Amino acid sequence: MRKWLRCVAVIDLPRTLTTLLGTFGPLCERCLAHHAWMTLSLVAATLDDLRQTPAIRTERALCPRCGQFTQTFWLAETHEEGYGESR
């Protein structure tokens, strides 16, 4: 019996992370890495780039997936929200 290894080719990691945030809501780096099947360091580097845009918001809060109090990320719904006080 063969076991198939699930391979995921991610060409556009920023798009993958924003899609995950749109689907699951606020998540921490670890949960994003888990759902994207990527290393934590790769996700962290991509989030650093995404935080420069008004589309991604950050806040220290409980991650709804893992329950850890940590920095969470979510999509801003409006342009004004993207430039809010959490920057």
C-alpha atoms as a PDB file:
ATOM      1  CA  MET A   1       0.000   0.000   0.000  1.00  0.00           C
ATOM      2  CA  ARG A   2       1.411   3.369  -0.973  1.00  0.00           C
ATOM      3  CA  LYS A   3       1.218   6.387   1.239  1.00  0.00           C
ATOM      4  CA  TRP A   4       0.878   9.615  -0.650  1.00  0.00           C
ATOM      5  CA  LEU A   5       2.564  12.676   0.685  1.00  0.00           C
ATOM      6  CA  ARG A   6       0.451  15.768   0.292  1.00  0.00           C
ATOM      7  CA  CYS A   7       2.499  18.449  -1.453  1.00  0.00           C
ATOM      8  CA  VAL A   8       1.396  22.032  -1.677  1.00  0.00           C
ATOM      9  CA  ALA A   9       3.146  24.431  -4.004  1.00  0.00           C
ATOM     10  CA  VAL A  10       2.679  27.976  -2.861  1.00  0.00           C
ATOM     11  CA  ILE A  11       3.521  30.498  -5.515  1.00  0.00           C
ATOM     12  CA  ASP A  12       1.976  33.509  -3.837  1.00  0.00           C
ATOM     13  CA  LEU A  13       2.341  33.229  -0.054  1.00  0.00           C
ATOM     14  CA  PRO A  14       0.890  36.702   0.680  1.00  0.00           C
ATOM     15  CA  ARG A  15      -2.280  35.737  -1.204  1.00  0.00           C
ATOM     16  CA  THR A  16      -2.418  32.408   0.648  1.00  0.00           C
ATOM     17  CA  LEU A  17      -2.144  34.129   4.046  1.00  0.00           C
ATOM     18  CA  THR A  18      -4.771  36.756   3.217  1.00  0.00           C
ATOM     19  CA  THR A  19      -7.083  34.007   1.977  1.00  0.00           C
ATOM     20  CA  LEU A  20      -6.607  32.107   5.248  1.00  0.00           C
ATOM     21  CA  LEU A  21      -7.309  35.264   7.262  1.00  0.00           C
ATOM     22  CA  GLY A  22     -10.414  35.907   5.186  1.00  0.00           C
ATOM     23  CA  THR A  23     -11.600  32.337   5.728  1.00  0.00           C
ATOM     24  CA  PHE A  24     -10.715  31.740   9.375  1.00  0.00           C
ATOM     25  CA  GLY A  25     -10.632  35.295  10.761  1.00  0.00           C
ATOM     26  CA  PRO A  26      -7.915  36.436  13.176  1.00  0.00           C
ATOM     27  CA  LEU A  27      -5.040  33.983  13.593  1.00  0.00           C
ATOM     28  CA  CYS A  28      -1.571  33.974  15.149  1.00  0.00           C
ATOM     29  CA  GLU A  29       1.631  33.255  13.193  1.00  0.00           C
ATOM     30  CA  ARG A  30       1.746  29.628  14.347  1.00  0.00           C
ATOM     31  CA  CYS A  31      -1.822  28.904  13.259  1.00  0.00           C
ATOM     32  CA  LEU A  32      -1.234  30.622   9.916  1.00  0.00           C
ATOM     33  CA  ALA A  33       1.905  28.517   9.395  1.00  0.00           C
ATOM     34  CA  HIS A  34      -0.009  25.363  10.284  1.00  0.00           C
ATOM     35  CA  HIS A  35      -2.896  26.077   7.897  1.00  0.00           C
ATOM     36  CA  ALA A  36      -0.574  27.246   5.087  1.00  0.00           C
ATOM     37  CA  TRP A  37       1.695  24.193   5.510  1.00  0.00           C
ATOM     38  CA  MET A  38       4.675  26.559   5.678  1.00  0.00           C
ATOM     39  CA  THR A  39       7.493  27.117   8.133  1.00  0.00           C
ATOM     40  CA  LEU A  40       6.958  29.639  10.876  1.00  0.00           C
ATOM     41  CA  SER A  41       9.946  31.693   9.701  1.00  0.00           C
ATOM     42  CA  LEU A  42       8.577  31.965   6.153  1.00  0.00           C
ATOM     43  CA  VAL A  43       5.155  33.021   7.409  1.00  0.00           C
ATOM     44  CA  ALA A  44       6.705  35.531   9.824  1.00  0.00           C
ATOM     45  CA  ALA A  45       8.773  37.112   7.037  1.00  0.00           C
ATOM     46  CA  THR A  46       5.732  37.342   4.773  1.00  0.00           C
ATOM     47  CA  LEU A  47       3.638  38.868   7.560  1.00  0.00           C
ATOM     48  CA  ASP A  48       6.351  41.486   8.121  1.00  0.00           C
ATOM     49  CA  ASP A  49       5.896  42.541   4.501  1.00  0.00           C
ATOM     50  CA  LEU A  50       2.097  42.413   4.708  1.00  0.00           C
ATOM     51  CA  ARG A  51       2.032  44.575   7.851  1.00  0.00           C
ATOM     52  CA  GLN A  52       3.328  47.459   5.752  1.00  0.00           C
ATOM     53  CA  THR A  53       0.024  47.457   3.879  1.00  0.00           C
ATOM     54  CA  PRO A  54      -3.264  48.701   5.305  1.00  0.00           C
ATOM     55  CA  ALA A  55      -4.903  45.341   4.513  1.00  0.00           C
ATOM     56  CA  ILE A  56      -3.463  43.512   7.539  1.00  0.00           C
ATOM     57  CA  ARG A  57      -4.121  44.519  11.153  1.00  0.00           C
ATOM     58  CA  THR A  58      -2.295  43.240  14.208  1.00  0.00           C
ATOM     59  CA  GLU A  59      -3.246  43.086  17.850  1.00  0.00           C
ATOM     60  CA  ARG A  60      -2.164  41.246  20.969  1.00  0.00           C
ATOM     61  CA  ALA A  61      -5.123  39.023  21.753  1.00  0.00           C
ATOM     62  CA  LEU A  62      -6.203  35.411  22.201  1.00  0.00           C
ATOM     63  CA  CYS A  63      -5.880  33.432  18.997  1.00  0.00           C
ATOM     64  CA  PRO A  64      -9.308  31.866  18.415  1.00  0.00           C
ATOM     65  CA  ARG A  65      -7.709  28.682  17.014  1.00  0.00           C
ATOM     66  CA  CYS A  66      -5.003  27.801  19.563  1.00  0.00           C
ATOM     67  CA  GLY A  67      -6.108  29.908  22.542  1.00  0.00           C
ATOM     68  CA  GLN A  68      -2.668  31.481  23.064  1.00  0.00           C
ATOM     69  CA  PHE A  69      -2.417  35.142  24.046  1.00  0.00           C
ATOM     70  CA  THR A  70      -0.134  36.406  21.313  1.00  0.00           C
ATOM     71  CA  GLN A  71       0.031  38.734  18.355  1.00  0.00           C
ATOM     72  CA  THR A  72      -2.877  38.007  16.041  1.00  0.00           C
ATOM     73  CA  PHE A  73      -3.424  39.108  12.459  1.00  0.00           C
ATOM     74  CA  TRP A  74      -6.620  39.815  10.561  1.00  0.00           C
ATOM     75  CA  LEU A  75      -7.835  41.551   7.425  1.00  0.00           C
ATOM     76  CA  ALA A  76      -8.922  45.153   7.708  1.00  0.00           C
ATOM     77  CA  GLU A  77     -12.435  45.638   6.373  1.00  0.00           C
ATOM     78  CA  THR A  78     -12.036  49.306   5.476  1.00  0.00           C
ATOM     79  CA  HIS A  79      -9.162  51.548   4.444  1.00  0.00           C
ATOM     80  CA  GLU A  80      -9.552  53.598   7.635  1.00  0.00           C
ATOM     81  CA  GLU A  81      -9.446  50.457   9.789  1.00  0.00           C
ATOM     82  CA  GLY A  82      -6.213  49.454   8.071  1.00  0.00           C
ATOM     83  CA  TYR A  83      -4.545  52.649   9.275  1.00  0.00           C
ATOM     84  CA  GLY A  84      -5.925  52.345  12.810  1.00  0.00           C
ATOM     85  CA  GLU A  85      -4.162  52.646  16.158  1.00  0.00           C
ATOM     86  CA  SER A  86      -2.694  49.109  16.265  1.00  0.00           C
ATOM     87  CA  ARG A  87       0.146  50.086  13.898  1.00  0.00           C
END
